[in-house]
Amino acid sequence: MNKVYPDATAALDGLLRDGLLIACGGFGLCGIPERLLDAIRDSGVKELTFASNNAGIDNEGIGKLLRTRQVRKMIASYVGENKEFERQYLAGELEVEFCPQGTLAERMRAGGAGIPGFYTKTGVGTLVAEGKEVKNFDGQDFILERGIFADLSLVKAWKADETGNVVFRKTARNFNVPAATCGKVCVVEVEEIVTTGSLDPDAIHLPGVYVQRLIVGAPYVKKIEFHTVRQKETA
């Protein structure tokens, strides 16, 4: 089975439709699947729900899809640094399901493991617990959180071999692994594809069994959210 596709548009062919639930890796602008998000924007699909740590920033990451009004709902743990996100939410144009960061990661991991739900203390007694089942274990309350079972997973990685075994680079791993495992179909963009067998088996972070489609997205511009420098002192 050939998993390597020529570009993002080809890799997403036949997978996109209105109303998808998409699990997306990344943290801020670190490890986001830029090429795949651009292809989704260009496809014109709409009414999308994204499960992701955050929505990037204005005009970067999922923020691009907010600009084009293709996102109906965000399941996220961080909602700052994106003015359009803020504007749409306050105007009632965007639905937001706020999810604590560890809970979001575990909801994705649970979905990938076929676990429909789990109990956690995180969020007990807060707005996060509203409408959720509460169960007492040994005198302490826990809330039931549902696993995330996505229609599609979008992932950014460093290297992969031709069978889809994936290696991430440092903190760019972030939410990419749990996001990859919880989708029915996982599409990965990488900086480099190497020959099968050339990766150290002990260094593989995401086994190829989870990866259905693969593209090379390089070259990338390694963007940062804020660039702050000290002002030059006058002599």
Protein backbone atom coordinates (compact mmCIF):
# COMPACT_ATOMS: atom_id res chain seq x y z
CA MET A 1 0.00 0.00 0.00
CA ASN A 2 1.51 3.30 -1.14
CA LYS A 3 1.03 5.95 1.56
CA VAL A 4 3.06 8.72 -0.07
CA TYR A 5 1.10 11.40 -1.95
CA PRO A 6 2.49 14.24 -4.09
CA ASP A 7 0.90 17.10 -2.15
CA ALA A 8 -1.68 18.03 0.47
CA THR A 9 -4.56 18.34 -1.97
CA ALA A 10 -3.95 14.85 -3.30
CA ALA A 11 -3.57 13.42 0.20
CA LEU A 12 -6.97 14.83 1.26
CA ASP A 13 -8.77 13.80 -1.93
CA GLY A 14 -11.94 11.88 -1.08
CA LEU A 15 -11.67 12.60 2.64
CA LEU A 16 -13.24 16.04 2.93
CA ARG A 17 -16.89 16.93 3.37
CA ASP A 18 -18.89 19.52 5.28
CA GLY A 19 -19.35 18.88 8.99
CA LEU A 20 -16.22 16.84 9.69
CA LEU A 21 -14.74 16.44 13.16
CA ILE A 22 -11.00 16.95 12.70
CA ALA A 23 -8.31 16.25 15.30
CA CYS A 24 -5.38 18.55 14.63
CA GLY A 25 -1.90 18.43 16.16
CA GLY A 26 0.14 21.44 17.16
CA PHE A 27 0.66 23.83 20.05
CA GLY A 28 0.52 27.49 19.09
CA LEU A 29 2.51 27.55 15.86
CA CYS A 30 4.72 24.62 16.88
CA GLY A 31 4.08 21.38 15.01
CA ILE A 32 1.00 22.52 13.11
CA PRO A 33 0.11 20.79 9.79
CA GLU A 34 0.36 23.96 7.69
CA ARG A 35 0.11 22.43 4.22
CA LEU A 36 -2.89 20.28 5.12
CA LEU A 37 -4.72 23.21 6.73
CA ASP A 38 -4.08 25.31 3.62
CA ALA A 39 -5.52 22.54 1.45
CA ILE A 40 -8.64 22.34 3.62
CA ARG A 41 -9.07 26.10 3.34
CA ASP A 42 -8.72 25.95 -0.43
CA SER A 43 -11.21 23.06 -0.69
CA GLY A 44 -14.05 25.24 0.62
CA VAL A 45 -15.50 22.64 3.02
CA LYS A 46 -17.38 24.22 5.92
CA GLU A 47 -19.20 23.59 9.21
CA LEU A 48 -16.05 21.94 10.54
CA THR A 49 -15.36 21.03 14.16
CA PHE A 50 -11.71 21.09 15.20
CA ALA A 51 -10.31 19.37 18.27
CA SER A 52 -6.96 21.05 18.85
CA ASN A 53 -5.05 22.65 21.69
CA ASN A 54 -5.75 26.08 20.21
CA ALA A 55 -6.67 27.76 16.93
CA GLY A 56 -3.27 29.18 16.07
CA ILE A 57 -3.16 32.95 15.70
CA ASP A 58 -4.79 35.32 13.24
CA ASN A 59 -4.07 34.06 9.71
CA GLU A 60 -1.89 31.17 10.88
CA GLY A 61 -2.86 27.57 11.59
CA ILE A 62 -6.57 26.99 12.13
CA GLY A 63 -6.83 30.79 12.32
CA LYS A 64 -6.81 30.78 8.51
CA LEU A 65 -9.99 28.70 8.50
CA LEU A 66 -11.64 30.99 11.01
CA ARG A 67 -11.02 33.89 8.63
CA THR A 68 -12.84 32.03 5.86
CA ARG A 69 -15.71 31.02 8.21
CA GLN A 70 -15.16 27.30 7.64
CA VAL A 71 -15.08 26.38 11.35
CA ARG A 72 -18.34 25.91 13.25
CA LYS A 73 -16.93 24.66 16.56
CA MET A 74 -13.61 24.51 18.42
CA ILE A 75 -12.80 21.94 21.11
CA ALA A 76 -9.75 23.58 22.63
CA SER A 77 -7.83 24.23 25.82
CA TYR A 78 -6.41 27.64 24.93
CA VAL A 79 -8.33 30.38 23.19
CA GLY A 80 -6.04 33.42 23.43
CA GLU A 81 -3.90 35.27 20.87
CA ASN A 82 -6.50 35.08 18.12
CA LYS A 83 -8.62 38.20 17.68
CA GLU A 84 -10.89 36.67 15.05
CA PHE A 85 -11.52 33.70 17.33
CA GLU A 86 -12.48 36.12 20.10
CA ARG A 87 -14.68 38.20 17.83
CA GLN A 88 -16.59 35.22 16.42
CA TYR A 89 -17.10 33.66 19.86
CA LEU A 90 -18.38 36.87 21.47
CA ALA A 91 -20.66 37.45 18.48
CA GLY A 92 -22.17 33.97 18.81
CA GLU A 93 -20.75 32.89 15.44
CA LEU A 94 -18.42 30.20 16.79
CA GLU A 95 -19.20 27.43 19.27
CA VAL A 96 -16.42 26.71 21.78
CA GLU A 97 -16.09 23.65 24.00
CA PHE A 98 -13.42 24.60 26.51
CA CYS A 99 -11.39 21.61 27.63
CA PRO A 100 -8.49 21.60 30.11
CA GLN A 101 -5.23 20.77 28.36
CA GLY A 102 -4.54 17.43 30.05
CA THR A 103 -8.16 16.40 29.63
CA LEU A 104 -8.05 17.23 25.91
CA ALA A 105 -4.92 15.14 25.43
CA GLU A 106 -6.50 12.24 27.33
CA ARG A 107 -9.76 12.52 25.39
CA MET A 108 -7.79 12.12 22.16
CA ARG A 109 -5.69 9.29 23.59
CA ALA A 110 -8.85 7.56 24.84
CA GLY A 111 -10.44 7.80 21.40
CA GLY A 112 -7.34 6.27 19.85
CA ALA A 113 -7.48 3.41 22.37
CA GLY A 114 -11.19 2.80 21.77
CA ILE A 115 -12.16 4.07 25.24
CA PRO A 116 -15.52 5.89 25.14
CA GLY A 117 -15.06 7.83 28.38
CA PHE A 118 -13.10 8.29 31.58
CA TYR A 119 -13.45 10.04 34.93
CA THR A 120 -11.25 12.94 36.03
CA LYS A 121 -11.15 15.41 38.91
CA THR A 122 -10.08 18.21 36.57
CA GLY A 123 -12.92 20.69 36.21
CA VAL A 124 -15.00 19.47 39.15
CA GLY A 125 -17.03 22.38 40.55
CA THR A 126 -16.35 24.63 37.55
CA LEU A 127 -18.09 25.51 34.30
CA VAL A 128 -16.20 22.63 32.69
CA ALA A 129 -18.37 20.19 34.66
CA GLU A 130 -21.72 21.63 33.59
CA GLY A 131 -23.97 19.01 31.99
CA LYS A 132 -21.55 16.16 32.68
CA GLU A 133 -22.07 13.09 34.83
CA VAL A 134 -20.46 13.32 38.29
CA LYS A 135 -19.46 10.15 40.13
CA ASN A 136 -18.03 9.81 43.62
CA PHE A 137 -15.03 7.56 44.18
CA ASP A 138 -13.75 7.13 47.75
CA GLY A 139 -15.38 10.36 48.85
CA GLN A 140 -14.20 12.49 45.94
CA ASP A 141 -16.17 13.71 42.93
CA PHE A 142 -15.03 13.01 39.39
CA ILE A 143 -16.59 14.10 36.10
CA LEU A 144 -17.10 11.92 33.06
CA GLU A 145 -15.27 13.06 29.94
CA ARG A 146 -15.90 11.50 26.54
CA GLY A 147 -13.18 10.16 24.27
CA ILE A 148 -12.73 12.00 20.97
CA PHE A 149 -13.34 9.88 17.88
CA ALA A 150 -12.46 12.11 14.92
CA ASP A 151 -13.32 11.64 11.27
CA LEU A 152 -9.89 12.87 10.22
CA SER A 153 -6.53 13.49 11.90
CA LEU A 154 -4.05 16.09 10.65
CA VAL A 155 -0.47 15.78 11.88
CA LYS A 156 2.87 17.52 11.38
CA ALA A 157 6.09 15.58 11.99
CA TRP A 158 9.81 15.75 11.30
CA LYS A 159 10.60 12.51 9.47
CA ALA A 160 8.78 9.44 8.26
CA ASP A 161 9.69 6.35 6.32
CA GLU A 162 7.71 5.18 3.31
CA THR A 163 5.46 2.95 5.43
CA GLY A 164 4.41 5.85 7.66
CA ASN A 165 6.55 5.30 10.75
CA VAL A 166 6.94 8.81 12.16
CA VAL A 167 9.52 10.72 14.21
CA PHE A 168 8.77 14.11 15.79
CA ARG A 169 11.37 16.71 16.70
CA LYS A 170 11.47 17.76 20.34
CA THR A 171 8.45 19.85 21.51
CA ALA A 172 6.83 19.71 18.07
CA ARG A 173 5.52 16.31 19.14
CA ASN A 174 3.01 18.02 21.51
CA PHE A 175 -0.59 17.05 20.64
CA ASN A 176 0.33 15.35 17.37
CA VAL A 177 0.53 11.79 18.68
CA PRO A 178 -2.85 11.66 20.47
CA ALA A 179 -4.45 13.58 17.59
CA ALA A 180 -3.06 11.05 15.13
CA THR A 181 -4.43 8.02 16.92
CA CYS A 182 -8.01 9.18 17.44
CA GLY A 183 -8.97 9.72 13.79
CA LYS A 184 -10.51 7.22 11.37
CA VAL A 185 -7.97 8.41 8.79
CA CYS A 186 -4.64 10.04 9.66
CA VAL A 187 -2.79 12.25 7.18
CA VAL A 188 0.74 13.33 8.10
CA GLU A 189 2.95 16.02 6.60
CA VAL A 190 6.68 15.77 7.23
CA GLU A 191 9.88 17.58 6.42
CA GLU A 192 11.53 14.48 4.99
CA ILE A 193 10.62 10.95 3.89
CA VAL A 194 13.36 8.35 4.23
CA THR A 195 13.62 4.78 3.00
CA THR A 196 11.91 2.02 4.94
CA GLY A 197 14.24 0.51 7.50
CA SER A 198 16.46 3.56 7.89
CA LEU A 199 14.79 4.80 11.08
CA ASP A 200 15.86 3.40 14.44
CA PRO A 201 12.85 1.35 15.62
CA ASP A 202 13.38 2.61 19.18
CA ALA A 203 13.17 6.23 17.98
CA ILE A 204 9.77 5.95 16.30
CA HIS A 205 7.11 8.01 18.06
CA LEU A 206 4.09 7.09 15.92
CA PRO A 207 3.93 3.65 14.28
CA GLY A 208 2.93 3.47 10.64
CA VAL A 209 -0.17 1.44 11.49
CA TYR A 210 -1.81 4.73 12.52
CA VAL A 211 -0.85 6.58 9.31
CA GLN A 212 -2.84 6.20 6.10
CA ARG A 213 -1.47 9.07 3.98
CA LEU A 214 1.77 10.99 3.92
CA ILE A 215 3.25 14.06 2.20
CA VAL A 216 6.44 16.08 2.25
CA GLY A 217 5.53 19.67 3.12
CA ALA A 218 9.04 21.16 3.12
CA PRO A 219 10.43 23.75 2.91
CA TYR A 220 8.97 25.38 6.01
CA VAL A 221 9.46 28.78 7.57
CA LYS A 222 9.77 28.14 11.30
CA LYS A 223 7.36 30.80 12.56
CA ILE A 224 7.05 32.12 16.11
CA GLU A 225 4.06 33.75 17.76
CA PHE A 226 5.90 36.69 19.27
CA HIS A 227 9.24 38.23 18.39
CA THR A 228 10.50 40.42 21.20
CA VAL A 229 13.97 41.95 21.20
CA ARG A 230 15.71 44.39 23.46
CA GLN A 231 15.84 47.92 22.15
CA LYS A 232 19.28 49.06 21.08
CA GLU A 233 20.87 51.28 23.65
CA THR A 234 22.17 54.62 22.51
CA ALA A 235 25.89 55.26 22.97
